[in-house]
């Protein structure tokens, strides 16, 4: 029986050292957490500037929300002497209804007139202003987590004759829709 107790005391002799080591590690971890939290509390919160909408380079009267990313592979811009236009494709984590409201408001603020809209699986909105037309199609992707936006925009480039603007001479079109 004495041998059993002696084995236990030998094992227990290391126990205080292990407990002391464990306590030191815990205190060091808590000290680091405390200093981190106190630094974070003493810092003044940075004023976060919300991302600002932007204009595509070719179309200054079209405002795109900053949450949308331009997809270059699915976009194109055409510019000739009498015509400018293209298809601009964007995608981002934005709700379809929110985007619809955004485009209606921003287009009106830029002088565009909403001339028609259709809401089905996607949302289609048609806008115009003198010498310009735009159609915006907003569709839901990834089960509502993302939205895709296709913007079809055309601008008839006006040539000045004297002081009266005169529309460019229409060019014959090889096909029509």
N, C-alpha and C. Protein backbone atom coordinates (compact mmCIF):
# COMPACT_ATOMS: atom_id res chain seq x y z
N UNK A 1 0.81 -1.17 0.00
CA UNK A 1 0.00 0.00 0.00
C UNK A 1 0.87 1.26 0.00
N UNK A 2 1.97 1.24 0.67
CA UNK A 2 2.88 2.38 0.71
C UNK A 2 3.44 2.67 -0.68
N UNK A 3 3.68 1.61 -1.42
CA UNK A 3 4.20 1.79 -2.77
C UNK A 3 3.17 2.50 -3.66
N UNK A 4 1.91 2.17 -3.48
CA UNK A 4 0.89 2.84 -4.28
C UNK A 4 0.85 4.32 -3.95
N UNK A 5 0.92 4.68 -2.68
CA UNK A 5 0.89 6.08 -2.30
C UNK A 5 2.13 6.81 -2.78
N UNK A 6 3.25 6.11 -2.72
CA UNK A 6 4.48 6.73 -3.17
C UNK A 6 4.43 7.06 -4.67
N UNK A 7 3.82 6.21 -5.49
CA UNK A 7 3.66 6.45 -6.92
C UNK A 7 2.75 7.64 -7.18
N UNK A 8 1.74 7.75 -6.35
CA UNK A 8 0.80 8.86 -6.51
C UNK A 8 1.49 10.16 -6.16
N UNK A 9 2.27 10.17 -5.09
CA UNK A 9 2.95 11.41 -4.70
C UNK A 9 3.99 11.80 -5.73
N UNK A 10 4.62 10.85 -6.39
CA UNK A 10 5.59 11.19 -7.43
C UNK A 10 4.88 11.84 -8.62
N UNK A 11 3.74 11.31 -8.95
CA UNK A 11 2.99 11.89 -10.07
C UNK A 11 2.43 13.26 -9.69
N UNK A 12 2.01 13.41 -8.45
CA UNK A 12 1.42 14.67 -8.01
C UNK A 12 2.48 15.76 -7.85
N UNK A 13 3.74 15.38 -7.72
CA UNK A 13 4.80 16.35 -7.55
C UNK A 13 4.90 17.26 -8.79
N UNK A 14 4.58 16.78 -9.97
CA UNK A 14 4.64 17.56 -11.21
C UNK A 14 3.35 18.34 -11.46
N UNK A 15 2.31 17.96 -10.77
CA UNK A 15 1.03 18.59 -10.96
C UNK A 15 1.06 20.10 -10.65
N UNK A 16 1.63 20.56 -9.54
CA UNK A 16 1.67 22.01 -9.29
C UNK A 16 2.43 22.77 -10.39
N UNK A 17 3.51 22.18 -10.90
CA UNK A 17 4.27 22.83 -11.97
C UNK A 17 3.40 22.96 -13.23
N UNK A 18 2.65 21.92 -13.58
CA UNK A 18 1.79 21.96 -14.75
C UNK A 18 0.65 22.96 -14.58
N UNK A 19 0.08 23.01 -13.38
CA UNK A 19 -0.99 23.97 -13.13
C UNK A 19 -0.47 25.41 -13.21
N UNK A 20 0.73 25.63 -12.69
CA UNK A 20 1.33 26.96 -12.74
C UNK A 20 1.60 27.38 -14.20
N UNK A 21 2.08 26.46 -15.01
CA UNK A 21 2.33 26.73 -16.43
C UNK A 21 1.03 27.03 -17.17
N UNK A 22 -0.01 26.25 -16.90
CA UNK A 22 -1.31 26.46 -17.52
C UNK A 22 -1.89 27.83 -17.13
N UNK A 23 -1.77 28.20 -15.86
CA UNK A 23 -2.28 29.49 -15.39
C UNK A 23 -1.51 30.64 -16.07
N UNK A 24 -0.20 30.50 -16.23
CA UNK A 24 0.59 31.55 -16.87
C UNK A 24 0.17 31.72 -18.33
N UNK A 25 -0.07 30.62 -19.02
CA UNK A 25 -0.52 30.71 -20.41
C UNK A 25 -1.89 31.37 -20.52
N UNK A 26 -2.80 31.02 -19.63
CA UNK A 26 -4.12 31.62 -19.65
C UNK A 26 -4.06 33.12 -19.36
N UNK A 27 -3.25 33.50 -18.39
CA UNK A 27 -3.13 34.92 -18.05
C UNK A 27 -2.49 35.71 -19.20
N UNK A 28 -1.52 35.13 -19.85
CA UNK A 28 -0.89 35.82 -20.98
C UNK A 28 -1.89 36.02 -22.11
N UNK A 29 -2.72 35.02 -22.37
CA UNK A 29 -3.75 35.14 -23.40
C UNK A 29 -4.77 36.19 -23.04
N UNK A 30 -5.20 36.22 -21.79
CA UNK A 30 -6.17 37.22 -21.35
C UNK A 30 -5.58 38.62 -21.40
N UNK A 31 -4.31 38.75 -21.06
CA UNK A 31 -3.66 40.06 -21.08
C UNK A 31 -3.63 40.61 -22.51
N UNK A 32 -3.33 39.74 -23.47
CA UNK A 32 -3.31 40.19 -24.86
C UNK A 32 -4.70 40.59 -25.32
N UNK A 33 -5.71 39.81 -24.94
CA UNK A 33 -7.08 40.15 -25.33
C UNK A 33 -7.50 41.47 -24.70
N UNK A 34 -7.13 41.68 -23.46
CA UNK A 34 -7.49 42.91 -22.76
C UNK A 34 -6.85 44.12 -23.41
N UNK A 35 -5.59 44.01 -23.78
CA UNK A 35 -4.94 45.16 -24.40
C UNK A 35 -5.50 45.42 -25.79
N UNK A 36 -5.86 44.37 -26.50
CA UNK A 36 -6.46 44.54 -27.83
C UNK A 36 -7.80 45.25 -27.71
N UNK A 37 -8.61 44.77 -26.78
CA UNK A 37 -9.93 45.38 -26.63
C UNK A 37 -9.84 46.81 -26.14
N UNK A 38 -8.89 47.10 -25.25
CA UNK A 38 -8.79 48.47 -24.76
C UNK A 38 -8.30 49.40 -25.87
N UNK A 39 -7.41 48.91 -26.73
CA UNK A 39 -6.97 49.73 -27.86
C UNK A 39 -8.14 49.98 -28.81
N UNK A 40 -8.93 48.95 -29.04
CA UNK A 40 -10.06 49.10 -29.94
C UNK A 40 -11.07 50.07 -29.36
N UNK A 41 -11.24 50.05 -28.04
CA UNK A 41 -12.20 50.95 -27.41
C UNK A 41 -11.70 52.39 -27.42
N UNK A 42 -10.39 52.60 -27.31
CA UNK A 42 -9.84 53.95 -27.27
C UNK A 42 -9.78 54.59 -28.64
N UNK A 43 -9.78 53.79 -29.71
CA UNK A 43 -9.73 54.35 -31.06
C UNK A 43 -11.05 55.01 -31.39
N UNK A 44 -10.97 56.12 -32.09
CA UNK A 44 -12.18 56.75 -32.57
C UNK A 44 -12.67 55.97 -33.78
N UNK A 45 -13.95 55.74 -33.87
CA UNK A 45 -14.45 54.99 -35.02
C UNK A 45 -14.22 55.79 -36.30
N UNK A 46 -13.69 55.09 -37.29
CA UNK A 46 -13.46 55.74 -38.58
C UNK A 46 -14.80 56.01 -39.23
N UNK A 47 -14.93 57.19 -39.77
CA UNK A 47 -16.14 57.48 -40.50
C UNK A 47 -16.03 56.80 -41.85
N UNK A 48 -16.92 55.87 -42.06
CA UNK A 48 -16.89 55.14 -43.32
C UNK A 48 -17.70 55.90 -44.35
N UNK A 49 -17.06 56.20 -45.45
CA UNK A 49 -17.73 56.87 -46.54
C UNK A 49 -18.39 55.79 -47.38
N UNK A 50 -19.69 55.86 -47.55
CA UNK A 50 -20.35 54.84 -48.36
C UNK A 50 -19.85 54.91 -49.79
N UNK A 51 -19.75 53.75 -50.45
CA UNK A 51 -19.30 53.75 -51.84
C UNK A 51 -20.22 54.61 -52.70
N UNK A 52 -19.64 55.35 -53.60
CA UNK A 52 -20.39 56.28 -54.44
C UNK A 52 -20.70 55.65 -55.79
N UNK A 53 -21.87 55.97 -56.36
CA UNK A 53 -22.18 55.50 -57.71
C UNK A 53 -21.19 56.10 -58.70
N UNK A 54 -21.09 55.51 -59.87
CA UNK A 54 -20.14 55.99 -60.87
C UNK A 54 -20.78 56.01 -62.25
N UNK A 55 -20.15 56.74 -63.16
CA UNK A 55 -20.60 56.85 -64.55
C UNK A 55 -19.69 55.99 -65.43
N UNK A 56 -20.26 55.24 -66.37
CA UNK A 56 -19.41 54.61 -67.37
C UNK A 56 -18.74 55.72 -68.19
N UNK A 57 -17.54 55.48 -68.65
CA UNK A 57 -16.74 56.50 -69.33
C UNK A 57 -17.45 57.09 -70.55
N UNK A 58 -18.12 56.29 -71.32
CA UNK A 58 -18.74 56.77 -72.57
C UNK A 58 -20.10 57.42 -72.36
N UNK A 59 -20.75 57.16 -71.23
CA UNK A 59 -22.12 57.62 -71.02
C UNK A 59 -22.21 58.35 -69.68
N UNK A 60 -22.00 59.65 -69.70
CA UNK A 60 -21.92 60.45 -68.48
C UNK A 60 -23.28 60.66 -67.81
N UNK A 61 -24.38 60.41 -68.51
CA UNK A 61 -25.69 60.61 -67.89
C UNK A 61 -26.32 59.29 -67.41
N UNK A 62 -25.49 58.28 -67.26
CA UNK A 62 -25.92 56.98 -66.76
C UNK A 62 -25.17 56.72 -65.46
N UNK A 63 -25.90 56.54 -64.38
CA UNK A 63 -25.28 56.36 -63.07
C UNK A 63 -25.44 54.91 -62.63
N UNK A 64 -24.32 54.27 -62.26
CA UNK A 64 -24.30 52.86 -61.87
C UNK A 64 -24.02 52.77 -60.37
N UNK A 65 -24.80 51.99 -59.62
CA UNK A 65 -24.52 51.85 -58.19
C UNK A 65 -23.18 51.15 -57.96
N UNK A 66 -22.49 51.55 -56.91
CA UNK A 66 -21.15 51.02 -56.65
C UNK A 66 -21.16 49.54 -56.28
N UNK A 67 -22.31 49.00 -55.91
CA UNK A 67 -22.39 47.57 -55.57
C UNK A 67 -22.32 46.67 -56.80
N UNK A 68 -22.46 47.27 -57.97
CA UNK A 68 -22.41 46.49 -59.22
C UNK A 68 -21.02 46.53 -59.81
N UNK A 69 -20.56 45.39 -60.28
CA UNK A 69 -19.27 45.29 -60.95
C UNK A 69 -19.49 45.14 -62.45
N UNK A 70 -18.69 45.84 -63.22
CA UNK A 70 -18.77 45.79 -64.66
C UNK A 70 -18.18 44.48 -65.15
N UNK A 71 -18.86 43.80 -66.06
CA UNK A 71 -18.38 42.56 -66.66
C UNK A 71 -17.95 42.90 -68.08
N UNK A 72 -16.66 43.06 -68.26
CA UNK A 72 -16.11 43.49 -69.54
C UNK A 72 -16.39 42.50 -70.66
N UNK A 73 -16.33 41.20 -70.37
CA UNK A 73 -16.51 40.18 -71.40
C UNK A 73 -17.91 40.19 -72.02
N UNK A 74 -18.89 40.70 -71.29
CA UNK A 74 -20.26 40.70 -71.79
C UNK A 74 -20.71 42.10 -72.22
N UNK A 75 -19.79 43.05 -72.26
CA UNK A 75 -20.13 44.43 -72.60
C UNK A 75 -19.45 44.84 -73.90
N UNK A 76 -20.05 45.84 -74.56
CA UNK A 76 -19.41 46.41 -75.74
C UNK A 76 -19.94 47.82 -75.95
N UNK A 77 -19.11 48.66 -76.53
CA UNK A 77 -19.47 50.05 -76.84
C UNK A 77 -19.14 50.29 -78.29
N UNK A 78 -20.07 50.93 -79.01
CA UNK A 78 -19.89 51.25 -80.42
C UNK A 78 -19.96 52.76 -80.55
N UNK A 79 -19.03 53.34 -81.31
CA UNK A 79 -19.06 54.78 -81.53
C UNK A 79 -18.67 55.05 -82.98
N UNK A 80 -19.55 55.78 -83.67
CA UNK A 80 -19.28 56.20 -85.04
C UNK A 80 -19.51 57.71 -85.11
N UNK A 81 -19.44 58.27 -86.32
CA UNK A 81 -19.68 59.70 -86.47
C UNK A 81 -21.11 60.10 -86.09
N UNK A 82 -22.05 59.20 -86.30
CA UNK A 82 -23.45 59.57 -86.09
C UNK A 82 -24.12 58.79 -84.95
N UNK A 83 -23.43 57.86 -84.35
CA UNK A 83 -24.08 56.98 -83.37
C UNK A 83 -23.10 56.59 -82.28
N UNK A 84 -23.60 56.54 -81.08
CA UNK A 84 -22.86 55.96 -79.96
C UNK A 84 -23.83 55.06 -79.22
N UNK A 85 -23.37 53.95 -78.77
CA UNK A 85 -24.25 53.05 -78.04
C UNK A 85 -23.49 51.83 -77.59
N UNK A 86 -24.25 50.91 -77.04
CA UNK A 86 -23.62 49.68 -76.62
C UNK A 86 -24.47 48.91 -75.65
N UNK A 87 -23.87 47.84 -75.19
CA UNK A 87 -24.46 46.98 -74.18
C UNK A 87 -23.49 46.96 -73.02
N UNK A 88 -23.98 47.34 -71.86
CA UNK A 88 -23.17 47.33 -70.65
C UNK A 88 -23.75 46.29 -69.71
N UNK A 89 -22.91 45.43 -69.20
CA UNK A 89 -23.37 44.33 -68.36
C UNK A 89 -22.71 44.46 -66.99
N UNK A 90 -23.52 44.37 -65.94
CA UNK A 90 -23.05 44.48 -64.57
C UNK A 90 -23.64 43.36 -63.73
N UNK A 91 -22.96 43.03 -62.65
CA UNK A 91 -23.48 42.04 -61.71
C UNK A 91 -23.06 42.44 -60.30
N UNK A 92 -23.86 42.03 -59.32
CA UNK A 92 -23.52 42.36 -57.94
C UNK A 92 -24.53 41.82 -56.96
N UNK A 93 -24.21 41.97 -55.69
CA UNK A 93 -25.08 41.49 -54.61
C UNK A 93 -26.06 42.60 -54.23
N UNK A 94 -27.10 42.73 -55.01
CA UNK A 94 -28.12 43.75 -54.79
C UNK A 94 -29.47 43.12 -55.10
N UNK A 95 -30.50 43.53 -54.37
CA UNK A 95 -31.84 43.02 -54.62
C UNK A 95 -32.43 43.66 -55.88
N UNK A 96 -33.22 42.90 -56.60
CA UNK A 96 -33.81 43.37 -57.86
C UNK A 96 -34.72 44.58 -57.61
N UNK A 97 -35.56 44.54 -56.58
CA UNK A 97 -36.47 45.67 -56.30
C UNK A 97 -35.70 46.93 -55.95
N UNK A 98 -34.63 46.78 -55.19
CA UNK A 98 -33.81 47.93 -54.82
C UNK A 98 -33.16 48.54 -56.06
N UNK A 99 -32.65 47.69 -56.94
CA UNK A 99 -32.04 48.18 -58.19
C UNK A 99 -33.07 48.88 -59.08
N UNK A 100 -34.26 48.33 -59.14
CA UNK A 100 -35.32 48.93 -59.95
C UNK A 100 -35.61 50.35 -59.46
N UNK A 101 -35.80 50.50 -58.16
CA UNK A 101 -36.05 51.82 -57.59
C UNK A 101 -34.88 52.77 -57.83
N UNK A 102 -33.67 52.24 -57.68
CA UNK A 102 -32.47 53.06 -57.88
C UNK A 102 -32.41 53.62 -59.30
N UNK A 103 -32.59 52.73 -60.28
CA UNK A 103 -32.48 53.17 -61.67
C UNK A 103 -33.60 54.14 -62.06
N UNK A 104 -34.81 53.92 -61.57
CA UNK A 104 -35.89 54.85 -61.88
C UNK A 104 -35.55 56.23 -61.34
N UNK A 105 -35.08 56.30 -60.10
CA UNK A 105 -34.76 57.59 -59.49
C UNK A 105 -33.55 58.25 -60.15
N UNK A 106 -32.47 57.50 -60.34
CA UNK A 106 -31.25 58.11 -60.89
C UNK A 106 -31.43 58.52 -62.35
N UNK A 107 -32.18 57.75 -63.11
CA UNK A 107 -32.40 58.11 -64.51
C UNK A 107 -33.26 59.38 -64.60
N UNK A 108 -34.28 59.48 -63.76
CA UNK A 108 -35.10 60.71 -63.74
C UNK A 108 -34.24 61.91 -63.37
N UNK A 109 -33.37 61.73 -62.38
CA UNK A 109 -32.50 62.84 -61.95
C UNK A 109 -31.53 63.26 -63.05
N UNK A 110 -31.21 62.35 -63.97
CA UNK A 110 -30.29 62.66 -65.07
C UNK A 110 -31.03 63.12 -66.32
N UNK A 111 -32.34 63.35 -66.21
CA UNK A 111 -33.11 63.88 -67.34
C UNK A 111 -33.75 62.83 -68.22
N UNK A 112 -33.67 61.56 -67.86
CA UNK A 112 -34.30 60.50 -68.63
C UNK A 112 -35.77 60.41 -68.24
N UNK A 113 -36.61 59.99 -69.20
CA UNK A 113 -38.03 59.80 -68.95
C UNK A 113 -38.35 58.31 -69.07
N UNK A 114 -39.00 57.77 -68.06
CA UNK A 114 -39.43 56.37 -68.09
C UNK A 114 -40.61 56.28 -69.05
N UNK A 115 -40.44 55.57 -70.16
CA UNK A 115 -41.51 55.48 -71.16
C UNK A 115 -42.21 54.13 -71.14
N UNK A 116 -41.70 53.20 -70.40
CA UNK A 116 -42.36 51.90 -70.30
C UNK A 116 -41.60 50.97 -69.39
N UNK A 117 -42.34 50.04 -68.80
CA UNK A 117 -41.68 49.04 -67.96
C UNK A 117 -42.51 47.77 -67.98
N UNK A 118 -41.83 46.67 -67.81
CA UNK A 118 -42.47 45.36 -67.75
C UNK A 118 -41.81 44.60 -66.60
N UNK A 119 -42.64 44.00 -65.78
CA UNK A 119 -42.11 43.19 -64.69
C UNK A 119 -42.63 41.78 -64.88
N UNK A 120 -41.74 40.87 -65.11
CA UNK A 120 -42.05 39.45 -65.25
C UNK A 120 -41.01 38.74 -64.43
N UNK A 121 -40.45 37.67 -64.88
CA UNK A 121 -39.34 37.05 -64.15
C UNK A 121 -38.22 38.05 -63.95
N UNK A 122 -38.00 38.89 -64.94
CA UNK A 122 -37.02 39.97 -64.89
C UNK A 122 -37.76 41.30 -64.88
N UNK A 123 -37.02 42.39 -64.73
CA UNK A 123 -37.61 43.72 -64.80
C UNK A 123 -36.99 44.41 -66.02
N UNK A 124 -37.82 44.96 -66.87
CA UNK A 124 -37.37 45.67 -68.06
C UNK A 124 -37.91 47.09 -67.98
N UNK A 125 -37.04 48.07 -68.14
CA UNK A 125 -37.44 49.47 -68.11
C UNK A 125 -36.89 50.17 -69.34
N UNK A 126 -37.72 50.99 -69.97
CA UNK A 126 -37.29 51.74 -71.16
C UNK A 126 -37.32 53.23 -70.83
N UNK A 127 -36.23 53.91 -71.16
CA UNK A 127 -36.09 55.35 -70.91
C UNK A 127 -35.73 56.04 -72.22
N UNK A 128 -36.08 57.32 -72.29
CA UNK A 128 -35.58 58.10 -73.42
C UNK A 128 -35.38 59.54 -72.99
N UNK A 129 -34.63 60.25 -73.80
CA UNK A 129 -34.41 61.68 -73.70
C UNK A 129 -34.03 62.11 -75.09
N UNK A 130 -33.98 63.39 -75.39
CA UNK A 130 -33.68 63.79 -76.76
C UNK A 130 -32.41 63.12 -77.31
N UNK A 131 -32.58 62.45 -78.42
CA UNK A 131 -31.50 61.77 -79.16
C UNK A 131 -30.92 60.55 -78.44
N UNK A 132 -31.56 60.10 -77.37
CA UNK A 132 -31.03 58.94 -76.62
C UNK A 132 -32.16 58.01 -76.21
N UNK A 133 -31.84 56.73 -76.20
CA UNK A 133 -32.75 55.73 -75.64
C UNK A 133 -31.92 54.76 -74.80
N UNK A 134 -32.58 54.18 -73.82
CA UNK A 134 -31.91 53.21 -72.97
C UNK A 134 -32.93 52.18 -72.49
N UNK A 135 -32.52 50.94 -72.50
CA UNK A 135 -33.34 49.86 -71.96
C UNK A 135 -32.50 49.16 -70.91
N UNK A 136 -33.07 48.98 -69.74
CA UNK A 136 -32.37 48.33 -68.64
C UNK A 136 -33.13 47.06 -68.28
N UNK A 137 -32.42 45.94 -68.27
CA UNK A 137 -32.99 44.66 -67.88
C UNK A 137 -32.28 44.19 -66.62
N UNK A 138 -33.07 43.95 -65.58
CA UNK A 138 -32.53 43.49 -64.30
C UNK A 138 -33.06 42.09 -64.05
N UNK A 139 -32.15 41.16 -63.83
CA UNK A 139 -32.57 39.77 -63.59
C UNK A 139 -31.92 39.25 -62.32
N UNK A 140 -32.63 38.34 -61.70
CA UNK A 140 -32.17 37.71 -60.46
C UNK A 140 -31.25 36.55 -60.79
N UNK A 141 -30.19 36.38 -60.01
CA UNK A 141 -29.25 35.28 -60.22
C UNK A 141 -28.92 34.64 -58.86
N UNK A 142 -28.45 33.44 -58.90
CA UNK A 142 -28.03 32.69 -57.71
C UNK A 142 -29.10 32.72 -56.63
N UNK A 143 -30.32 32.41 -57.02
CA UNK A 143 -31.46 32.30 -56.11
C UNK A 143 -31.64 33.55 -55.25
N UNK A 144 -31.56 34.70 -55.89
CA UNK A 144 -31.82 35.96 -55.21
C UNK A 144 -30.63 36.58 -54.51
N UNK A 145 -29.49 35.93 -54.53
CA UNK A 145 -28.32 36.49 -53.85
C UNK A 145 -27.57 37.50 -54.71
N UNK A 146 -27.79 37.46 -56.01
CA UNK A 146 -27.11 38.39 -56.92
C UNK A 146 -28.12 38.90 -57.94
N UNK A 147 -27.74 39.99 -58.59
CA UNK A 147 -28.56 40.53 -59.67
C UNK A 147 -27.64 40.81 -60.86
N UNK A 148 -28.17 40.59 -62.04
CA UNK A 148 -27.47 40.90 -63.28
C UNK A 148 -28.22 42.05 -63.94
N UNK A 149 -27.47 43.01 -64.46
CA UNK A 149 -28.07 44.18 -65.09
C UNK A 149 -27.48 44.33 -66.49
N UNK A 150 -28.35 44.36 -67.49
CA UNK A 150 -27.94 44.63 -68.87
C UNK A 150 -28.52 45.99 -69.24
N UNK A 151 -27.66 46.88 -69.70
CA UNK A 151 -28.10 48.21 -70.11
C UNK A 151 -27.80 48.37 -71.59
N UNK A 152 -28.86 48.57 -72.37
CA UNK A 152 -28.73 48.80 -73.80
C UNK A 152 -28.95 50.30 -74.00
N UNK A 153 -27.98 50.98 -74.56
CA UNK A 153 -28.07 52.42 -74.67
C UNK A 153 -27.67 52.86 -76.07
N UNK A 154 -28.41 53.82 -76.61
CA UNK A 154 -28.10 54.38 -77.93
C UNK A 154 -28.15 55.89 -77.85
N UNK A 155 -27.33 56.53 -78.64
CA UNK A 155 -27.31 57.98 -78.71
C UNK A 155 -27.07 58.38 -80.16
N UNK A 156 -27.97 59.15 -80.68
CA UNK A 156 -27.79 59.69 -82.02
C UNK A 156 -26.95 60.94 -81.87
N UNK A 157 -25.81 60.97 -82.50
CA UNK A 157 -24.91 62.12 -82.38
C UNK A 157 -25.41 63.22 -83.30
N UNK A 158 -25.61 64.38 -82.72
CA UNK A 158 -26.18 65.52 -83.43
C UNK A 158 -25.05 66.37 -83.98
N UNK A 159 -25.19 66.75 -85.26
CA UNK A 159 -24.21 67.65 -85.88
C UNK A 159 -24.84 69.03 -85.96
N UNK A 160 -24.09 70.03 -85.63
CA UNK A 160 -24.58 71.41 -85.62
C UNK A 160 -24.50 71.99 -87.04
N UNK A 161 -25.55 72.66 -87.46
CA UNK A 161 -25.55 73.37 -88.74
C UNK A 161 -26.00 74.78 -88.41
N UNK A 162 -25.07 75.70 -88.44
CA UNK A 162 -25.39 77.06 -88.01
C UNK A 162 -25.63 77.06 -86.52
N UNK A 163 -26.74 77.60 -86.08
CA UNK A 163 -27.05 77.60 -84.65
C UNK A 163 -28.10 76.55 -84.32
N UNK A 164 -28.73 75.97 -85.34
CA UNK A 164 -29.76 74.97 -85.11
C UNK A 164 -29.14 73.57 -85.14
N UNK A 165 -29.35 72.76 -84.09
CA UNK A 165 -28.85 71.39 -84.17
C UNK A 165 -29.63 70.61 -85.23
N UNK A 166 -28.91 69.84 -85.98
CA UNK A 166 -29.55 69.03 -87.02
C UNK A 166 -29.12 67.59 -86.81
N UNK A 167 -30.06 66.71 -86.87
CA UNK A 167 -29.74 65.29 -86.68
C UNK A 167 -28.85 64.82 -87.82
N UNK A 168 -27.96 63.92 -87.51
CA UNK A 168 -27.08 63.36 -88.53
C UNK A 168 -27.92 62.65 -89.58
N UNK A 169 -27.45 62.63 -90.80
CA UNK A 169 -28.16 61.95 -91.87
C UNK A 169 -28.22 60.47 -91.56
N UNK A 170 -29.43 59.89 -91.53
CA UNK A 170 -29.51 58.47 -91.21
C UNK A 170 -28.83 57.62 -92.27
N UNK A 171 -28.11 56.66 -91.83
CA UNK A 171 -27.41 55.74 -92.73
C UNK A 171 -28.33 54.54 -93.00
N UNK A 172 -28.26 53.99 -94.22
CA UNK A 172 -29.07 52.81 -94.50
C UNK A 172 -28.64 51.65 -93.60
N UNK A 173 -29.62 50.92 -93.18
CA UNK A 173 -29.34 49.80 -92.28
C UNK A 173 -29.43 48.49 -93.06
N UNK A 174 -28.48 47.58 -92.86
CA UNK A 174 -28.50 46.33 -93.61
C UNK A 174 -29.62 45.38 -93.16
N UNK A 175 -30.11 45.55 -91.95
CA UNK A 175 -31.19 44.68 -91.47
C UNK A 175 -31.97 45.45 -90.43
N UNK A 176 -33.13 44.95 -90.10
CA UNK A 176 -33.92 45.60 -89.05
C UNK A 176 -34.59 44.52 -88.20
N UNK A 177 -35.03 44.95 -87.04
CA UNK A 177 -35.69 44.02 -86.13
C UNK A 177 -37.17 44.33 -86.04
